[in-house]
PDB file of N, CA and C in Angstrom:
ATOM      1  N   UNK A   1       0.852  -1.169   0.000  1.00  0.00           N
ATOM      2  CA  UNK A   1       0.000   0.000   0.000  1.00  0.00           C
ATOM      3  C   UNK A   1       0.896   1.230   0.000  1.00  0.00           C
ATOM      4  N   UNK A   2       0.554   2.190  -0.815  1.00  0.00           N
ATOM      5  CA  UNK A   2       1.276   3.452  -0.822  1.00  0.00           C
ATOM      6  C   UNK A   2       0.324   4.547  -0.364  1.00  0.00           C
ATOM      7  N   UNK A   3       0.812   5.419   0.509  1.00  0.00           N
ATOM      8  CA  UNK A   3       0.011   6.523   1.024  1.00  0.00           C
ATOM      9  C   UNK A   3       0.729   7.834   0.767  1.00  0.00           C
ATOM     10  N   UNK A   4      -0.003   8.840   0.388  1.00  0.00           N
ATOM     11  CA  UNK A   4       0.560  10.179   0.272  1.00  0.00           C
ATOM     12  C   UNK A   4       0.561  10.794   1.661  1.00  0.00           C
ATOM     13  N   UNK A   5       1.689  11.397   2.028  1.00  0.00           N
ATOM     14  CA  UNK A   5       1.865  12.004   3.337  1.00  0.00           C
ATOM     15  C   UNK A   5       2.303  13.442   3.131  1.00  0.00           C
ATOM     16  N   UNK A   6       1.745  14.350   3.898  1.00  0.00           N
ATOM     17  CA  UNK A   6       2.177  15.737   3.864  1.00  0.00           C
ATOM     18  C   UNK A   6       3.009  15.978   5.119  1.00  0.00           C
ATOM     19  N   UNK A   7       4.261  16.371   4.918  1.00  0.00           N
ATOM     20  CA  UNK A   7       5.182  16.604   6.036  1.00  0.00           C
ATOM     21  C   UNK A   7       5.371  18.110   6.175  1.00  0.00           C
ATOM     22  N   UNK A   8       5.144  18.597   7.384  1.00  0.00           N
ATOM     23  CA  UNK A   8       5.253  20.023   7.686  1.00  0.00           C
ATOM     24  C   UNK A   8       6.394  20.250   8.668  1.00  0.00           C
ATOM     25  N   UNK A   9       7.065  21.384   8.520  1.00  0.00           N
ATOM     26  CA  UNK A   9       8.008  21.803   9.550  1.00  0.00           C
ATOM     27  C   UNK A   9       7.204  22.521  10.627  1.00  0.00           C
ATOM     28  N   UNK A  10       7.366  22.100  11.875  1.00  0.00           N
ATOM     29  CA  UNK A  10       6.630  22.708  12.984  1.00  0.00           C
ATOM     30  C   UNK A  10       7.255  24.050  13.346  1.00  0.00           C
ATOM     31  N   UNK A  11       6.429  25.011  13.692  1.00  0.00           N
ATOM     32  CA  UNK A  11       6.916  26.349  14.057  1.00  0.00           C
ATOM     33  C   UNK A  11       7.860  26.308  15.252  1.00  0.00           C
ATOM     34  N   UNK A  12       7.602  25.416  16.197  1.00  0.00           N
ATOM     35  CA  UNK A  12       8.420  25.323  17.408  1.00  0.00           C
ATOM     36  C   UNK A  12       9.628  24.409  17.220  1.00  0.00           C
ATOM     37  N   UNK A  13       9.822  23.921  15.992  1.00  0.00           N
ATOM     38  CA  UNK A  13      10.919  23.007  15.690  1.00  0.00           C
ATOM     39  C   UNK A  13      10.398  21.602  15.481  1.00  0.00           C
ATOM     40  N   UNK A  14      11.137  20.824  14.761  1.00  0.00           N
ATOM     41  CA  UNK A  14      10.709  19.469  14.469  1.00  0.00           C
ATOM     42  C   UNK A  14       9.753  19.426  13.288  1.00  0.00           C
ATOM     43  N   UNK A  15       9.035  18.327  13.187  1.00  0.00           N
ATOM     44  CA  UNK A  15       8.147  18.089  12.060  1.00  0.00           C
ATOM     45  C   UNK A  15       6.831  17.493  12.532  1.00  0.00           C
ATOM     46  N   UNK A  16       5.809  17.638  11.680  1.00  0.00           N
ATOM     47  CA  UNK A  16       4.570  16.896  11.889  1.00  0.00           C
ATOM     48  C   UNK A  16       4.067  16.470  10.522  1.00  0.00           C
ATOM     49  N   UNK A  17       3.330  15.368  10.481  1.00  0.00           N
ATOM     50  CA  UNK A  17       2.868  14.806   9.216  1.00  0.00           C
ATOM     51  C   UNK A  17       1.413  14.396   9.331  1.00  0.00           C
ATOM     52  N   UNK A  18       0.744  14.436   8.195  1.00  0.00           N
ATOM     53  CA  UNK A  18      -0.653  14.007   8.130  1.00  0.00           C
ATOM     54  C   UNK A  18      -0.865  13.175   6.879  1.00  0.00           C
ATOM     55  N   UNK A  19      -1.848  12.275   6.957  1.00  0.00           N
ATOM     56  CA  UNK A  19      -2.230  11.432   5.829  1.00  0.00           C
ATOM     57  C   UNK A  19      -3.627  11.872   5.411  1.00  0.00           C
ATOM     58  N   UNK A  20      -3.749  12.637   4.317  1.00  0.00           N
ATOM     59  CA  UNK A  20      -5.060  13.157   3.925  1.00  0.00           C
ATOM     60  C   UNK A  20      -6.122  12.075   3.681  1.00  0.00           C
ATOM     61  N   UNK A  21      -5.709  10.899   3.240  1.00  0.00           N
ATOM     62  CA  UNK A  21      -6.683   9.838   2.950  1.00  0.00           C
ATOM     63  C   UNK A  21      -7.194   9.128   4.200  1.00  0.00           C
ATOM     64  N   UNK A  22      -6.573   9.403   5.359  1.00  0.00           N
ATOM     65  CA  UNK A  22      -7.025   8.807   6.633  1.00  0.00           C
ATOM     66  C   UNK A  22      -7.266   9.957   7.606  1.00  0.00           C
ATOM     67  N   UNK A  23      -8.486  10.453   7.670  1.00  0.00           N
ATOM     68  CA  UNK A  23      -8.769  11.596   8.556  1.00  0.00           C
ATOM     69  C   UNK A  23      -8.311  11.339   9.993  1.00  0.00           C
ATOM     70  N   UNK A  24      -7.641  12.321  10.574  1.00  0.00           N
ATOM     71  CA  UNK A  24      -7.179  12.221  11.956  1.00  0.00           C
ATOM     72  C   UNK A  24      -5.864  11.497  12.124  1.00  0.00           C
ATOM     73  N   UNK A  25      -5.279  11.022  11.041  1.00  0.00           N
ATOM     74  CA  UNK A  25      -4.019  10.281  11.116  1.00  0.00           C
ATOM     75  C   UNK A  25      -2.869  11.275  11.020  1.00  0.00           C
ATOM     76  N   UNK A  26      -2.363  11.713  12.171  1.00  0.00           N
ATOM     77  CA  UNK A  26      -1.273  12.696  12.240  1.00  0.00           C
ATOM     78  C   UNK A  26      -0.255  12.236  13.275  1.00  0.00           C
ATOM     79  N   UNK A  27       0.979  12.701  13.118  1.00  0.00           N
ATOM     80  CA  UNK A  27       2.026  12.407  14.086  1.00  0.00           C
ATOM     81  C   UNK A  27       3.072  13.507  14.024  1.00  0.00           C
ATOM     82  N   UNK A  28       4.019  13.440  14.927  1.00  0.00           N
ATOM     83  CA  UNK A  28       5.061  14.461  14.968  1.00  0.00           C
ATOM     84  C   UNK A  28       6.365  13.840  15.429  1.00  0.00           C
ATOM     85  N   UNK A  29       7.460  14.593  15.281  1.00  0.00           N
ATOM     86  CA  UNK A  29       8.763  14.142  15.742  1.00  0.00           C
ATOM     87  C   UNK A  29       9.725  15.311  15.818  1.00  0.00           C
ATOM     88  N   UNK A  30      10.678  15.223  16.732  1.00  0.00           N
ATOM     89  CA  UNK A  30      11.680  16.280  16.874  1.00  0.00           C
ATOM     90  C   UNK A  30      12.654  16.283  15.698  1.00  0.00           C
ATOM     91  N   UNK A  31      12.889  15.100  15.117  1.00  0.00           N
ATOM     92  CA  UNK A  31      13.763  14.986  13.950  1.00  0.00           C
ATOM     93  C   UNK A  31      12.989  14.279  12.843  1.00  0.00           C
ATOM     94  N   UNK A  32      13.522  14.354  11.617  1.00  0.00           N
ATOM     95  CA  UNK A  32      12.868  13.685  10.500  1.00  0.00           C
ATOM     96  C   UNK A  32      12.836  12.173  10.710  1.00  0.00           C
ATOM     97  N   UNK A  33      13.918  11.597  11.226  1.00  0.00           N
ATOM     98  CA  UNK A  33      13.959  10.157  11.491  1.00  0.00           C
ATOM     99  C   UNK A  33      12.931   9.745  12.539  1.00  0.00           C
ATOM    100  N   UNK A  34      12.794  10.558  13.582  1.00  0.00           N
ATOM    101  CA  UNK A  34      11.795  10.263  14.615  1.00  0.00           C
ATOM    102  C   UNK A  34      10.390  10.354  14.021  1.00  0.00           C
ATOM    103  N   UNK A  35      10.159  11.330  13.167  1.00  0.00           N
ATOM    104  CA  UNK A  35       8.864  11.473  12.507  1.00  0.00           C
ATOM    105  C   UNK A  35       8.536  10.220  11.713  1.00  0.00           C
ATOM    106  N   UNK A  36       9.494   9.725  10.927  1.00  0.00           N
ATOM    107  CA  UNK A  36       9.247   8.526  10.128  1.00  0.00           C
ATOM    108  C   UNK A  36       8.943   7.322  11.009  1.00  0.00           C
ATOM    109  N   UNK A  37       9.676   7.171  12.086  1.00  0.00           N
ATOM    110  CA  UNK A  37       9.433   6.063  13.007  1.00  0.00           C
ATOM    111  C   UNK A  37       8.033   6.153  13.594  1.00  0.00           C
ATOM    112  N   UNK A  38       7.654   7.343  14.030  1.00  0.00           N
ATOM    113  CA  UNK A  38       6.318   7.546  14.587  1.00  0.00           C
ATOM    114  C   UNK A  38       5.237   7.360  13.534  1.00  0.00           C
ATOM    115  N   UNK A  39       5.544   7.727  12.295  1.00  0.00           N
ATOM    116  CA  UNK A  39       4.562   7.651  11.225  1.00  0.00           C
ATOM    117  C   UNK A  39       4.079   6.226  11.004  1.00  0.00           C
ATOM    118  N   UNK A  40       5.015   5.271  10.945  1.00  0.00           N
ATOM    119  CA  UNK A  40       4.623   3.886  10.726  1.00  0.00           C
ATOM    120  C   UNK A  40       3.710   3.383  11.845  1.00  0.00           C
ATOM    121  N   UNK A  41       3.998   3.756  13.058  1.00  0.00           N
ATOM    122  CA  UNK A  41       3.170   3.330  14.190  1.00  0.00           C
ATOM    123  C   UNK A  41       1.772   3.936  14.122  1.00  0.00           C
ATOM    124  N   UNK A  42       1.682   5.226  13.792  1.00  0.00           N
ATOM    125  CA  UNK A  42       0.380   5.884  13.787  1.00  0.00           C
ATOM    126  C   UNK A  42      -0.493   5.376  12.645  1.00  0.00           C
ATOM    127  N   UNK A  43       0.095   5.092  11.485  1.00  0.00           N
ATOM    128  CA  UNK A  43      -0.699   4.563  10.373  1.00  0.00           C
ATOM    129  C   UNK A  43      -1.237   3.188  10.733  1.00  0.00           C
ATOM    130  N   UNK A  44      -0.397   2.365  11.325  1.00  0.00           N
ATOM    131  CA  UNK A  44      -0.854   1.040  11.747  1.00  0.00           C
ATOM    132  C   UNK A  44      -2.008   1.167  12.746  1.00  0.00           C
ATOM    133  N   UNK A  45      -1.878   2.100  13.686  1.00  0.00           N
ATOM    134  CA  UNK A  45      -2.948   2.309  14.664  1.00  0.00           C
ATOM    135  C   UNK A  45      -4.227   2.835  14.031  1.00  0.00           C
ATOM    136  N   UNK A  46      -4.098   3.729  13.068  1.00  0.00           N
ATOM    137  CA  UNK A  46      -5.279   4.289  12.398  1.00  0.00           C
ATOM    138  C   UNK A  46      -6.009   3.236  11.567  1.00  0.00           C
ATOM    139  N   UNK A  47      -5.266   2.295  11.025  1.00  0.00           N
ATOM    140  CA  UNK A  47      -5.875   1.273  10.173  1.00  0.00           C
ATOM    141  C   UNK A  47      -6.283   0.014  10.930  1.00  0.00           C
ATOM    142  N   UNK A  48      -5.857  -0.121  12.171  1.00  0.00           N
ATOM    143  CA  UNK A  48      -6.189  -1.309  12.957  1.00  0.00           C
ATOM    144  C   UNK A  48      -7.665  -1.308  13.315  1.00  0.00           C
ATOM    145  N   UNK A  49      -8.231  -2.485  13.314  1.00  0.00           N
ATOM    146  CA  UNK A  49      -9.644  -2.642  13.661  1.00  0.00           C
ATOM    147  C   UNK A  49      -9.732  -3.590  14.841  1.00  0.00           C
ATOM    148  N   UNK A  50     -10.459  -3.189  15.834  1.00  0.00           N
ATOM    149  CA  UNK A  50     -10.662  -4.038  17.009  1.00  0.00           C
ATOM    150  C   UNK A  50     -11.769  -5.036  16.698  1.00  0.00           C
ATOM    151  N   UNK A  51     -11.406  -6.296  16.505  1.00  0.00           N
ATOM    152  CA  UNK A  51     -12.375  -7.326  16.125  1.00  0.00           C
ATOM    153  C   UNK A  51     -13.373  -7.636  17.228  1.00  0.00           C
ATOM    154  N   UNK A  52     -13.110  -7.194  18.437  1.00  0.00           N
ATOM    155  CA  UNK A  52     -14.042  -7.461  19.529  1.00  0.00           C
ATOM    156  C   UNK A  52     -15.352  -6.698  19.348  1.00  0.00           C
ATOM    157  N   UNK A  53     -15.355  -5.659  18.518  1.00  0.00           N
ATOM    158  CA  UNK A  53     -16.559  -4.857  18.316  1.00  0.00           C
ATOM    159  C   UNK A  53     -17.472  -5.416  17.229  1.00  0.00           C
ATOM    160  N   UNK A  54     -17.090  -6.535  16.614  1.00  0.00           N
ATOM    161  CA  UNK A  54     -17.879  -7.117  15.538  1.00  0.00           C
ATOM    162  C   UNK A  54     -18.410  -8.476  15.954  1.00  0.00           C
ATOM    163  N   UNK A  55     -19.582  -8.806  15.434  1.00  0.00           N
ATOM    164  CA  UNK A  55     -20.157 -10.133  15.668  1.00  0.00           C
ATOM    165  C   UNK A  55     -19.784 -10.995  14.471  1.00  0.00           C
ATOM    166  N   UNK A  56     -19.080 -12.082  14.723  1.00  0.00           N
ATOM    167  CA  UNK A  56     -18.663 -13.000  13.677  1.00  0.00           C
ATOM    168  C   UNK A  56     -19.310 -14.345  13.952  1.00  0.00           C
ATOM    169  N   UNK A  57     -20.050 -14.834  12.972  1.00  0.00           N
ATOM    170  CA  UNK A  57     -20.723 -16.126  13.120  1.00  0.00           C
ATOM    171  C   UNK A  57     -19.880 -17.222  12.475  1.00  0.00           C
ATOM    172  N   UNK A  58     -20.349 -18.468  12.595  1.00  0.00           N
ATOM    173  CA  UNK A  58     -19.633 -19.600  12.004  1.00  0.00           C
ATOM    174  C   UNK A  58     -19.612 -19.517  10.482  1.00  0.00           C
ATOM    175  N   UNK A  59     -20.573 -18.820   9.880  1.00  0.00           N
ATOM    176  CA  UNK A  59     -20.639 -18.712   8.419  1.00  0.00           C
ATOM    177  C   UNK A  59     -19.742 -17.594   7.878  1.00  0.00           C
ATOM    178  N   UNK A  60     -19.226 -16.744   8.754  1.00  0.00           N
ATOM    179  CA  UNK A  60     -18.404 -15.612   8.329  1.00  0.00           C
ATOM    180  C   UNK A  60     -16.938 -16.031   8.247  1.00  0.00           C
ATOM    181  N   UNK A  61     -16.188 -15.260   7.461  1.00  0.00           N
ATOM    182  CA  UNK A  61     -14.754 -15.451   7.356  1.00  0.00           C
ATOM    183  C   UNK A  61     -14.054 -14.145   7.729  1.00  0.00           C
ATOM    184  N   UNK A  62     -12.966 -14.253   8.463  1.00  0.00           N
ATOM    185  CA  UNK A  62     -12.132 -13.105   8.780  1.00  0.00           C
ATOM    186  C   UNK A  62     -10.821 -13.300   8.036  1.00  0.00           C
ATOM    187  N   UNK A  63     -10.459 -12.286   7.226  1.00  0.00           N
ATOM    188  CA  UNK A  63      -9.243 -12.368   6.426  1.00  0.00           C
ATOM    189  C   UNK A  63      -8.422 -11.099   6.583  1.00  0.00           C
ATOM    190  N   UNK A  64      -7.127 -11.222   6.404  1.00  0.00           N
ATOM    191  CA  UNK A  64      -6.243 -10.068   6.305  1.00  0.00           C
ATOM    192  C   UNK A  64      -5.723 -10.045   4.890  1.00  0.00           C
ATOM    193  N   UNK A  65      -5.770  -8.854   4.268  1.00  0.00           N
ATOM    194  CA  UNK A  65      -5.264  -8.727   2.916  1.00  0.00           C
ATOM    195  C   UNK A  65      -4.257  -7.593   2.846  1.00  0.00           C
ATOM    196  N   UNK A  66      -3.333  -7.691   1.950  1.00  0.00           N
ATOM    197  CA  UNK A  66      -2.357  -6.620   1.715  1.00  0.00           C
ATOM    198  C   UNK A  66      -2.755  -5.897   0.448  1.00  0.00           C
ATOM    199  N   UNK A  67      -2.794  -4.585   0.505  1.00  0.00           N
ATOM    200  CA  UNK A  67      -3.141  -3.797  -0.683  1.00  0.00           C
ATOM    201  C   UNK A  67      -2.029  -2.836  -1.002  1.00  0.00           C
TER     202      UNK A  67
END
């Protein structure tokens, strides 16, 4: 999966980034490397789904796919 990310220089120093295709998916870092490290974690968190909130019956299938 490829995502477009907008990286901003923060006024107080450091960087912050947002993913326009995932509303609310933002992160920050004091350095560019820290920003990238944080970015992978925040995207994973934004895309994660808590399966406990869904009712799955014996006829249903749960799959993970890579896009």
